[in-house]
Structures are given as structure tokens and as C-alpha cells.
């Protein structure tokens, strides 16, 4: 009887150890998948209209502790001065605008659907009031060039700022003017040369 009890105990311990090992391997595999980026070419970026209009996209910029991100739905991808570029349009009232004016690089980050609530938080809170990245539940990462991106993102477009110009109210059509009536301030167009595109599947 004692021998049977001992054999059952040994089997239970072996089963528990195997389960724990399997969990550890799964976690390691998940972690490895989460942190692995694949470099792609700018021309392989998905349809930019879909990217900005149908997916939540966040702009991130800054150095050291002065890093911020905000959700955007305005942007375009193309070619300018023989370089692949991305243009973003940020209201002068936003903290990210201030950081973009003072930094050379920015990243455009796309996220899977499960991050919608985090992206909504980024779009409705200001980085001037605290660390909204942490409050949104996002994990800050750095690119090889030291620019901010996120562990939860599945696409990052890294850009070097090559031009910035505020819109002129008198040159906007009626539709554009009506969208400025909410008091968000005049937008600035930031043009960035695409220097890296990384995708995670």
C-alpha cells in the first residue's frame, strides 16, 4: 500500500513538473514572438488610407523621460524628394506637437484590435498631466535608433523629420475649417523620411 502511494506521489510530482515546464516554454515562446520584429520595405506598407482611417494609429516621439504618444486618424504615405515619406497632421494644442517640434525622429505605430481601449486613452488624455503611456497599459520599447515604440504594436514606421509647416487658415476649404471649430487649434504638417519599417505578426 505504501509503495502504491509512493508511486502515485512520484507520478503526480512528475506530471506537475512537466506542466510547469510546458507553461514556461509557452511563455518563453510567446515572449519571443512578442519581441521579434521583421524588417519590411516602405512600399510593402498596407494601404495608407486603411492604415489611418480604419486602424488605431499612434504617433510617438521624445527622448529620455520626455516621451509622449497620441492617437491619430490623419496621415499619408508617398514619395517626396526621391525619398519614401509619411506625413502626419498634429494640432498645435497637443503636447505631442511640442515634442515633434523639438525632436528629429518620430514613429508611427499600428496596433491590433485588442489595444483599442489603450489607443482611445491615448487620444483623450494629455501627456502634460502624467505618464499616460503607463496609464494606458502600454509597454515602451526603443528602436535600434533609440526612438519610442511599443511592445503591443504590430507595425512601426520610423521616420526622420525633414519638414514641418503649419496650415494657413485662409487656404483651407469649408470642410477643413468646420473640423477646426472644436477648438483643437491649427494643425501642423510634419513630413518624415521613412528610415525603417518593422512588422510583427
C-alpha atoms as a PDB file:
ATOM      1  CA  UNK A   1       0.000   0.000   0.000  1.00  0.00           C
ATOM      2  CA  UNK A   2       2.770   2.380   0.952  1.00  0.00           C
ATOM      3  CA  UNK A   3       4.566   1.524  -2.286  1.00  0.00           C
ATOM      4  CA  UNK A   4       1.447   2.374  -4.305  1.00  0.00           C
ATOM      5  CA  UNK A   5       1.044   5.708  -2.503  1.00  0.00           C
ATOM      6  CA  UNK A   6       4.704   6.486  -3.143  1.00  0.00           C
ATOM      7  CA  UNK A   7       4.354   5.651  -6.847  1.00  0.00           C
ATOM      8  CA  UNK A   8       1.247   7.880  -7.134  1.00  0.00           C
ATOM      9  CA  UNK A   9       3.096  10.747  -5.419  1.00  0.00           C
ATOM     10  CA  UNK A  10       6.085  10.382  -7.748  1.00  0.00           C
ATOM     11  CA  UNK A  11       3.771  10.383 -10.776  1.00  0.00           C
ATOM     12  CA  UNK A  12       1.960  13.495  -9.506  1.00  0.00           C
ATOM     13  CA  UNK A  13       5.236  15.339  -8.990  1.00  0.00           C
ATOM     14  CA  UNK A  14       6.426  14.333 -12.474  1.00  0.00           C
ATOM     15  CA  UNK A  15       3.133  15.494 -14.030  1.00  0.00           C
ATOM     16  CA  UNK A  16       3.257  18.819 -12.164  1.00  0.00           C
ATOM     17  CA  UNK A  17       6.881  19.378 -13.229  1.00  0.00           C
ATOM     18  CA  UNK A  18       6.058  18.616 -16.861  1.00  0.00           C
ATOM     19  CA  UNK A  19       3.115  21.041 -16.792  1.00  0.00           C
ATOM     20  CA  UNK A  20       5.211  23.804 -15.279  1.00  0.00           C
ATOM     21  CA  UNK A  21       7.948  23.214 -17.840  1.00  0.00           C
ATOM     22  CA  UNK A  22       5.392  23.331 -20.662  1.00  0.00           C
ATOM     23  CA  UNK A  23       3.956  26.594 -19.310  1.00  0.00           C
ATOM     24  CA  UNK A  24       7.440  28.042 -19.113  1.00  0.00           C
ATOM     25  CA  UNK A  25       8.169  27.040 -22.692  1.00  0.00           C
ATOM     26  CA  UNK A  26       4.881  28.528 -23.877  1.00  0.00           C
ATOM     27  CA  UNK A  27       5.582  31.777 -22.039  1.00  0.00           C
ATOM     28  CA  UNK A  28       9.078  31.935 -23.469  1.00  0.00           C
ATOM     29  CA  UNK A  29       7.731  31.234 -26.939  1.00  0.00           C
ATOM     30  CA  UNK A  30       5.068  33.927 -26.529  1.00  0.00           C
ATOM     31  CA  UNK A  31       7.645  36.394 -25.215  1.00  0.00           C
ATOM     32  CA  UNK A  32       9.990  35.640 -28.100  1.00  0.00           C
ATOM     33  CA  UNK A  33       7.178  36.108 -30.630  1.00  0.00           C
ATOM     34  CA  UNK A  34       6.131  39.340 -28.965  1.00  0.00           C
ATOM     35  CA  UNK A  35       9.568  40.902 -29.168  1.00  0.00           C
ATOM     36  CA  UNK A  36      10.544  39.743 -32.660  1.00  0.00           C
ATOM     37  CA  UNK A  37      10.303  42.330 -35.420  1.00  0.00           C
ATOM     38  CA  UNK A  38      10.675  41.708 -39.142  1.00  0.00           C
ATOM     39  CA  UNK A  39      12.002  44.477 -41.339  1.00  0.00           C
ATOM     40  CA  UNK A  40       9.913  45.255 -44.435  1.00  0.00           C
ATOM     41  CA  UNK A  41      10.248  47.797 -47.228  1.00  0.00           C
ATOM     42  CA  UNK A  42       8.237  51.061 -47.227  1.00  0.00           C
ATOM     43  CA  UNK A  43       6.436  50.015 -50.405  1.00  0.00           C
ATOM     44  CA  UNK A  44       5.113  46.958 -48.555  1.00  0.00           C
ATOM     45  CA  UNK A  45       3.184  49.028 -46.010  1.00  0.00           C
ATOM     46  CA  UNK A  46      -0.527  48.312 -46.184  1.00  0.00           C
ATOM     47  CA  UNK A  47      -2.936  50.735 -47.850  1.00  0.00           C
ATOM     48  CA  UNK A  48      -2.310  54.071 -46.053  1.00  0.00           C
ATOM     49  CA  UNK A  49      -5.969  55.082 -46.234  1.00  0.00           C
ATOM     50  CA  UNK A  50      -6.898  51.884 -44.412  1.00  0.00           C
ATOM     51  CA  UNK A  51      -3.975  52.314 -42.035  1.00  0.00           C
ATOM     52  CA  UNK A  52      -5.084  55.729 -40.809  1.00  0.00           C
ATOM     53  CA  UNK A  53      -8.850  55.573 -41.290  1.00  0.00           C
ATOM     54  CA  UNK A  54      -9.644  52.020 -40.216  1.00  0.00           C
ATOM     55  CA  UNK A  55      -6.954  51.214 -37.657  1.00  0.00           C
ATOM     56  CA  UNK A  56      -5.901  52.918 -34.491  1.00  0.00           C
ATOM     57  CA  UNK A  57      -2.520  54.508 -35.096  1.00  0.00           C
ATOM     58  CA  UNK A  58      -0.370  56.310 -32.528  1.00  0.00           C
ATOM     59  CA  UNK A  59       2.418  58.800 -33.103  1.00  0.00           C
ATOM     60  CA  UNK A  60       5.267  58.580 -30.581  1.00  0.00           C
ATOM     61  CA  UNK A  61       8.252  60.855 -30.124  1.00  0.00           C
ATOM     62  CA  UNK A  62      10.666  62.102 -27.496  1.00  0.00           C
ATOM     63  CA  UNK A  63      13.807  61.185 -25.630  1.00  0.00           C
ATOM     64  CA  UNK A  64      14.557  60.051 -22.111  1.00  0.00           C
ATOM     65  CA  UNK A  65      11.630  60.720 -19.796  1.00  0.00           C
ATOM     66  CA  UNK A  66      10.083  63.213 -22.225  1.00  0.00           C
ATOM     67  CA  UNK A  67       8.213  60.702 -24.383  1.00  0.00           C
ATOM     68  CA  UNK A  68       4.623  61.003 -25.468  1.00  0.00           C
ATOM     69  CA  UNK A  69       2.206  59.361 -27.869  1.00  0.00           C
ATOM     70  CA  UNK A  70      -1.196  60.242 -29.251  1.00  0.00           C
ATOM     71  CA  UNK A  71      -3.782  58.533 -31.410  1.00  0.00           C
ATOM     72  CA  UNK A  72      -4.206  59.975 -34.904  1.00  0.00           C
ATOM     73  CA  UNK A  73      -6.516  59.367 -37.858  1.00  0.00           C
ATOM     74  CA  UNK A  74      -4.903  61.763 -40.347  1.00  0.00           C
ATOM     75  CA  UNK A  75      -1.859  60.749 -42.361  1.00  0.00           C
ATOM     76  CA  UNK A  76      -0.479  59.938 -45.790  1.00  0.00           C
ATOM     77  CA  UNK A  77       2.358  57.888 -47.279  1.00  0.00           C
ATOM     78  CA  UNK A  78       4.164  58.602 -50.531  1.00  0.00           C
ATOM     79  CA  UNK A  79       7.368  59.869 -52.066  1.00  0.00           C
ATOM     80  CA  UNK A  80       8.994  63.291 -51.795  1.00  0.00           C
ATOM     81  CA  UNK A  81      12.443  64.462 -52.864  1.00  0.00           C
ATOM     82  CA  UNK A  82      13.223  60.913 -54.033  1.00  0.00           C
ATOM     83  CA  UNK A  83      12.591  59.501 -50.590  1.00  0.00           C
ATOM     84  CA  UNK A  84       9.733  57.454 -49.122  1.00  0.00           C
ATOM     85  CA  UNK A  85       7.887  59.714 -46.709  1.00  0.00           C
ATOM     86  CA  UNK A  86       4.989  59.798 -44.310  1.00  0.00           C
ATOM     87  CA  UNK A  87       3.072  62.957 -43.445  1.00  0.00           C
ATOM     88  CA  UNK A  88       1.165  63.431 -40.206  1.00  0.00           C
ATOM     89  CA  UNK A  89      -1.005  66.327 -39.086  1.00  0.00           C
ATOM     90  CA  UNK A  90      -0.952  67.334 -35.431  1.00  0.00           C
ATOM     91  CA  UNK A  91      -2.867  70.082 -33.661  1.00  0.00           C
ATOM     92  CA  UNK A  92      -0.749  72.819 -32.119  1.00  0.00           C
ATOM     93  CA  UNK A  93      -2.656  72.326 -28.862  1.00  0.00           C
ATOM     94  CA  UNK A  94      -1.289  68.830 -28.329  1.00  0.00           C
ATOM     95  CA  UNK A  95       1.724  68.003 -26.165  1.00  0.00           C
ATOM     96  CA  UNK A  96       2.949  65.682 -28.924  1.00  0.00           C
ATOM     97  CA  UNK A  97       3.131  68.726 -31.223  1.00  0.00           C
ATOM     98  CA  UNK A  98       5.591  70.365 -28.842  1.00  0.00           C
ATOM     99  CA  UNK A  99       7.737  67.238 -28.737  1.00  0.00           C
ATOM    100  CA  UNK A 100       7.637  66.828 -32.520  1.00  0.00           C
ATOM    101  CA  UNK A 101       8.918  70.371 -32.935  1.00  0.00           C
ATOM    102  CA  UNK A 102      11.854  69.600 -30.641  1.00  0.00           C
ATOM    103  CA  UNK A 103      12.814  66.106 -31.810  1.00  0.00           C
ATOM    104  CA  UNK A 104      14.312  64.806 -35.036  1.00  0.00           C
ATOM    105  CA  UNK A 105      12.531  61.448 -35.133  1.00  0.00           C
ATOM    106  CA  UNK A 106       9.042  60.077 -34.618  1.00  0.00           C
ATOM    107  CA  UNK A 107       7.385  56.697 -35.027  1.00  0.00           C
ATOM    108  CA  UNK A 108       4.005  55.767 -36.455  1.00  0.00           C
ATOM    109  CA  UNK A 109       2.680  52.728 -34.584  1.00  0.00           C
ATOM    110  CA  UNK A 110      -0.256  50.495 -35.533  1.00  0.00           C
ATOM    111  CA  UNK A 111      -1.903  48.142 -33.042  1.00  0.00           C
ATOM    112  CA  UNK A 112      -4.154  45.070 -33.085  1.00  0.00           C
ATOM    113  CA  UNK A 113      -7.829  45.426 -32.166  1.00  0.00           C
ATOM    114  CA  UNK A 114      -7.317  44.281 -28.586  1.00  0.00           C
ATOM    115  CA  UNK A 115      -5.439  47.537 -27.924  1.00  0.00           C
ATOM    116  CA  UNK A 116      -8.387  49.760 -28.905  1.00  0.00           C
ATOM    117  CA  UNK A 117      -9.083  50.860 -25.318  1.00  0.00           C
ATOM    118  CA  UNK A 118      -5.424  51.824 -24.801  1.00  0.00           C
ATOM    119  CA  UNK A 119      -5.430  53.814 -28.027  1.00  0.00           C
ATOM    120  CA  UNK A 120      -8.655  55.533 -27.037  1.00  0.00           C
ATOM    121  CA  UNK A 121      -6.993  56.547 -23.779  1.00  0.00           C
ATOM    122  CA  UNK A 122      -4.011  57.990 -25.664  1.00  0.00           C
ATOM    123  CA  UNK A 123      -6.355  60.070 -27.790  1.00  0.00           C
ATOM    124  CA  UNK A 124      -8.343  61.527 -24.898  1.00  0.00           C
ATOM    125  CA  UNK A 125      -5.652  62.316 -22.304  1.00  0.00           C
ATOM    126  CA  UNK A 126      -2.696  64.676 -22.318  1.00  0.00           C
ATOM    127  CA  UNK A 127       0.883  63.693 -21.604  1.00  0.00           C
ATOM    128  CA  UNK A 128       1.269  67.006 -19.772  1.00  0.00           C
ATOM    129  CA  UNK A 129      -0.818  65.576 -16.925  1.00  0.00           C
ATOM    130  CA  UNK A 130       1.301  62.497 -16.246  1.00  0.00           C
ATOM    131  CA  UNK A 131       2.617  59.278 -17.718  1.00  0.00           C
ATOM    132  CA  UNK A 132      -0.337  58.408 -19.927  1.00  0.00           C
ATOM    133  CA  UNK A 133       1.575  55.604 -21.669  1.00  0.00           C
ATOM    134  CA  UNK A 134       1.733  53.643 -18.456  1.00  0.00           C
ATOM    135  CA  UNK A 135      -1.843  54.599 -17.569  1.00  0.00           C
ATOM    136  CA  UNK A 136      -2.980  53.248 -20.945  1.00  0.00           C
ATOM    137  CA  UNK A 137      -1.271  49.939 -20.171  1.00  0.00           C
ATOM    138  CA  UNK A 138       1.288  50.195 -22.971  1.00  0.00           C
ATOM    139  CA  UNK A 139       4.883  48.996 -22.684  1.00  0.00           C
ATOM    140  CA  UNK A 140       7.502  51.388 -24.021  1.00  0.00           C
ATOM    141  CA  UNK A 141      10.240  49.947 -26.247  1.00  0.00           C
ATOM    142  CA  UNK A 142      13.068  51.580 -28.173  1.00  0.00           C
ATOM    143  CA  UNK A 143      14.024  51.064 -31.788  1.00  0.00           C
ATOM    144  CA  UNK A 144      17.606  50.456 -32.835  1.00  0.00           C
ATOM    145  CA  UNK A 145      17.927  54.229 -33.270  1.00  0.00           C
ATOM    146  CA  UNK A 146      16.591  54.814 -29.760  1.00  0.00           C
ATOM    147  CA  UNK A 147      13.142  56.067 -30.719  1.00  0.00           C
ATOM    148  CA  UNK A 148       9.950  55.142 -28.834  1.00  0.00           C
ATOM    149  CA  UNK A 149       7.640  52.354 -29.910  1.00  0.00           C
ATOM    150  CA  UNK A 150       5.576  49.775 -28.013  1.00  0.00           C
ATOM    151  CA  UNK A 151       5.656  46.071 -27.232  1.00  0.00           C
ATOM    152  CA  UNK A 152       1.951  45.850 -28.071  1.00  0.00           C
ATOM    153  CA  UNK A 153       2.324  47.374 -31.577  1.00  0.00           C
ATOM    154  CA  UNK A 154       2.391  45.147 -34.646  1.00  0.00           C
ATOM    155  CA  UNK A 155       3.728  47.752 -37.076  1.00  0.00           C
ATOM    156  CA  UNK A 156       6.175  50.597 -36.539  1.00  0.00           C
ATOM    157  CA  UNK A 157       7.204  53.132 -39.165  1.00  0.00           C
ATOM    158  CA  UNK A 158      10.291  55.019 -38.007  1.00  0.00           C
ATOM    159  CA  UNK A 159      10.742  58.467 -39.532  1.00  0.00           C
ATOM    160  CA  UNK A 160      13.261  61.290 -39.542  1.00  0.00           C
ATOM    161  CA  UNK A 161      11.585  64.674 -39.627  1.00  0.00           C
ATOM    162  CA  UNK A 162      12.531  66.591 -42.778  1.00  0.00           C
ATOM    163  CA  UNK A 163       9.847  69.294 -42.901  1.00  0.00           C
ATOM    164  CA  UNK A 164       7.244  70.979 -40.696  1.00  0.00           C
ATOM    165  CA  UNK A 165       4.736  73.612 -41.725  1.00  0.00           C
ATOM    166  CA  UNK A 166       1.538  74.885 -40.058  1.00  0.00           C
ATOM    167  CA  UNK A 167      -1.638  75.073 -42.096  1.00  0.00           C
ATOM    168  CA  UNK A 168      -2.816  78.550 -43.112  1.00  0.00           C
ATOM    169  CA  UNK A 169      -6.461  79.135 -42.202  1.00  0.00           C
ATOM    170  CA  UNK A 170      -7.159  81.235 -45.285  1.00  0.00           C
ATOM    171  CA  UNK A 171      -6.113  78.361 -47.546  1.00  0.00           C
ATOM    172  CA  UNK A 172      -8.406  75.737 -46.038  1.00  0.00           C
ATOM    173  CA  UNK A 173     -11.692  74.779 -47.620  1.00  0.00           C
ATOM    174  CA  UNK A 174     -15.004  74.877 -45.779  1.00  0.00           C
ATOM    175  CA  UNK A 175     -14.868  71.209 -44.758  1.00  0.00           C
ATOM    176  CA  UNK A 176     -11.423  71.600 -43.213  1.00  0.00           C
ATOM    177  CA  UNK A 177     -12.485  74.801 -41.446  1.00  0.00           C
ATOM    178  CA  UNK A 178     -15.554  73.109 -39.982  1.00  0.00           C
ATOM    179  CA  UNK A 179     -13.318  70.431 -38.462  1.00  0.00           C
ATOM    180  CA  UNK A 180     -11.310  73.124 -36.681  1.00  0.00           C
ATOM    181  CA  UNK A 181     -14.385  74.507 -34.925  1.00  0.00           C
ATOM    182  CA  UNK A 182     -13.901  72.191 -31.943  1.00  0.00           C
ATOM    183  CA  UNK A 183     -11.071  74.340 -30.599  1.00  0.00           C
ATOM    184  CA  UNK A 184      -8.247  71.872 -31.206  1.00  0.00           C
ATOM    185  CA  UNK A 185      -6.010  74.557 -32.729  1.00  0.00           C
ATOM    186  CA  UNK A 186      -4.383  74.836 -36.117  1.00  0.00           C
ATOM    187  CA  UNK A 187      -2.613  71.720 -37.344  1.00  0.00           C
ATOM    188  CA  UNK A 188       0.988  71.402 -38.442  1.00  0.00           C
ATOM    189  CA  UNK A 189       2.041  69.046 -41.204  1.00  0.00           C
ATOM    190  CA  UNK A 190       5.112  67.032 -40.256  1.00  0.00           C
ATOM    191  CA  UNK A 191       6.862  65.187 -43.083  1.00  0.00           C
ATOM    192  CA  UNK A 192       9.194  62.365 -42.120  1.00  0.00           C
ATOM    193  CA  UNK A 193      11.529  60.346 -44.283  1.00  0.00           C
ATOM    194  CA  UNK A 194      10.798  56.669 -43.660  1.00  0.00           C
ATOM    195  CA  UNK A 195      14.043  55.150 -42.397  1.00  0.00           C
ATOM    196  CA  UNK A 196      12.750  51.839 -41.027  1.00  0.00           C
ATOM    197  CA  UNK A 197       9.581  49.776 -41.195  1.00  0.00           C
ATOM    198  CA  UNK A 198       9.197  46.871 -38.804  1.00  0.00           C
ATOM    199  CA  UNK A 199       6.290  44.431 -38.687  1.00  0.00           C
ATOM    200  CA  UNK A 200       5.299  41.859 -36.097  1.00  0.00           C
ATOM    201  CA  UNK A 201       2.804  39.124 -36.942  1.00  0.00           C
END
